[in-house]
C-alpha atoms as a PDB file:
ATOM      1  CA  MET A   1      79.896  36.009  43.634  1.00  0.00           C
ATOM      2  CA  HIS A   2      78.810  33.539  46.603  1.00  0.00           C
ATOM      3  CA  ASP A   3      82.430  32.306  45.751  1.00  0.00           C
ATOM      4  CA  GLY A   4      83.766  36.008  46.835  1.00  0.00           C
ATOM      5  CA  VAL A   5      81.852  35.573  49.885  1.00  0.00           C
ATOM      6  CA  ILE A   6      83.096  32.203  50.976  1.00  0.00           C
ATOM      7  CA  ILE A   7      86.961  33.066  50.202  1.00  0.00           C
ATOM      8  CA  MET A   8      86.431  36.554  52.181  1.00  0.00           C
ATOM      9  CA  SER A   9      84.523  34.777  54.917  1.00  0.00           C
ATOM     10  CA  ASN A  10      87.661  32.227  55.276  1.00  0.00           C
ATOM     11  CA  ILE A  11      90.444  35.027  55.357  1.00  0.00           C
ATOM     12  CA  THR A  12      88.597  36.517  58.169  1.00  0.00           C
ATOM     13  CA  VAL A  13      88.358  33.572  60.035  1.00  0.00           C
ATOM     14  CA  ILE A  14      92.564  32.502  59.330  1.00  0.00           C
ATOM     15  CA  LEU A  15      93.304  36.123  60.180  1.00  0.00           C
ATOM     16  CA  TYR A  16      90.729  35.537  63.332  1.00  0.00           C
ATOM     17  CA  PHE A  17      93.175  32.191  64.029  1.00  0.00           C
ATOM     18  CA  LEU A  18      96.388  33.611  63.760  1.00  0.00           C
ATOM     19  CA  TYR A  19      95.318  37.386  65.653  1.00  0.00           C
ATOM     20  CA  VAL A  20      94.654  34.782  68.090  1.00  0.00           C
ATOM     21  CA  ALA A  21      97.713  32.672  67.929  1.00  0.00           C
ATOM     22  CA  HIS A  22     100.020  35.988  68.844  1.00  0.00           C
ATOM     23  CA  ASP A  23      97.859  37.481  71.694  1.00  0.00           C
ATOM     24  CA  GLU A  24      98.177  33.850  72.993  1.00  0.00           C
ATOM     25  CA  GLN A  25     102.192  34.021  72.519  1.00  0.00           C
ATOM     26  CA  ASN A  26     102.442  37.045  73.756  1.00  0.00           C
ATOM     27  CA  ALA A  27      99.976  36.499  76.477  1.00  0.00           C
ATOM     28  CA  GLN A  28     102.269  33.482  77.610  1.00  0.00           C
ATOM     29  CA  LEU A  29     105.887  35.734  77.125  1.00  0.00           C
ATOM     30  CA  ASN A  30     103.568  38.581  79.616  1.00  0.00           C
ATOM     31  CA  ALA A  31     103.749  35.767  81.946  1.00  0.00           C
ATOM     32  CA  ARG A  32     107.176  34.055  81.575  1.00  0.00           C
ATOM     33  CA  SER A  33     108.485  38.303  82.091  1.00  0.00           C
ATOM     34  CA  VAL A  34     106.316  38.493  85.529  1.00  0.00           C
ATOM     35  CA  ALA A  35     106.817  35.422  86.519  1.00  0.00           C
ATOM     36  CA  GLN A  36     110.665  36.099  86.449  1.00  0.00           C
ATOM     37  CA  LEU A  37     110.570  39.386  87.723  1.00  0.00           C
ATOM     38  CA  ARG A  38     108.824  38.206  90.666  1.00  0.00           C
ATOM     39  CA  HIS A  39     111.192  35.556  91.564  1.00  0.00           C
ATOM     40  CA  THR A  40     113.888  38.357  91.139  1.00  0.00           C
ATOM     41  CA  ARG A  41     111.826  40.269  93.972  1.00  0.00           C
ATOM     42  CA  ASN A  42     111.605  37.065  95.304  1.00  0.00           C
ATOM     43  CA  HIS A  43     114.928  36.249  95.927  1.00  0.00           C
ATOM     44  CA  ALA A  44     115.906  40.264  97.044  1.00  0.00           C
ATOM     45  CA  ILE A  45     113.733  40.046  99.441  1.00  0.00           C
ATOM     46  CA  PHE A  46     114.876  36.938 101.013  1.00  0.00           C
ATOM     47  CA  ILE A  47     118.422  38.458 100.430  1.00  0.00           C
ATOM     48  CA  VAL A  48     117.513  41.141 102.384  1.00  0.00           C
ATOM     49  CA  THR A  49     115.750  39.481 104.811  1.00  0.00           C
ATOM     50  CA  THR A  50     118.485  36.906 105.876  1.00  0.00           C
ATOM     51  CA  ALA A  51     120.951  39.856 105.730  1.00  0.00           C
ATOM     52  CA  ALA A  52     118.692  41.918 108.338  1.00  0.00           C
ATOM     53  CA  ARG A  53     117.767  38.856 111.042  1.00  0.00           C
ATOM     54  CA  GLY A  54     122.227  38.206 111.265  1.00  0.00           C
ATOM     55  CA  ALA A  55     122.787  42.009 111.723  1.00  0.00           C
ATOM     56  CA  SER A  56     122.924  43.328 115.388  1.00  0.00           C
ATOM     57  CA  VAL A  57     121.961  46.768 115.946  1.00  0.00           C
ATOM     58  CA  SER A  58     123.467  48.734 119.235  1.00  0.00           C
ATOM     59  CA  ARG A  59     123.618  51.942 120.637  1.00  0.00           C
ATOM     60  CA  PRO A  60     127.097  53.334 119.791  1.00  0.00           C
ATOM     61  CA  ALA A  61     128.927  52.867 123.094  1.00  0.00           C
ATOM     62  CA  ARG A  62     129.471  55.828 125.757  1.00  0.00           C
ATOM     63  CA  TRP A  63     132.960  57.349 126.003  1.00  0.00           C
ATOM     64  CA  ALA A  64     135.073  56.810 129.473  1.00  0.00           C
ATOM     65  CA  THR A  65     135.442  61.338 128.734  1.00  0.00           C
ATOM     66  CA  ARG A  66     133.356  64.161 129.228  1.00  0.00           C
ATOM     67  CA  LYS A  67     132.792  65.724 126.071  1.00  0.00           C
ATOM     68  CA  ASN A  68     134.518  68.820 126.712  1.00  0.00           C
ATOM     69  CA  ALA A  69     137.104  66.863 127.884  1.00  0.00           C
ATOM     70  CA  HIS A  70     140.889  68.662 126.111  1.00  0.00           C
ATOM     71  CA  ALA A  71     142.922  66.413 124.721  1.00  0.00           C
ATOM     72  CA  THR A  72     147.013  66.775 125.663  1.00  0.00           C
ATOM     73  CA  THR A  73     149.603  65.375 123.230  1.00  0.00           C
ATOM     74  CA  THR A  74     153.404  65.016 123.698  1.00  0.00           C
END
């Protein structure tokens, strides 16, 4: 009976270490995914910010004619 308890204890320890190793692997994969998402987001923000700085926004020019002026054709 004593040997059975030791074997079960060893199996429990092995399963625990396998679980921890699997958990760490998932954590590393998740960290990598988060890092890639952050990189992509930061790159997109950089592109938009750069484009916004280079864009010039101005009011539309006023036309010389009045709003109700009639057009003529020949």
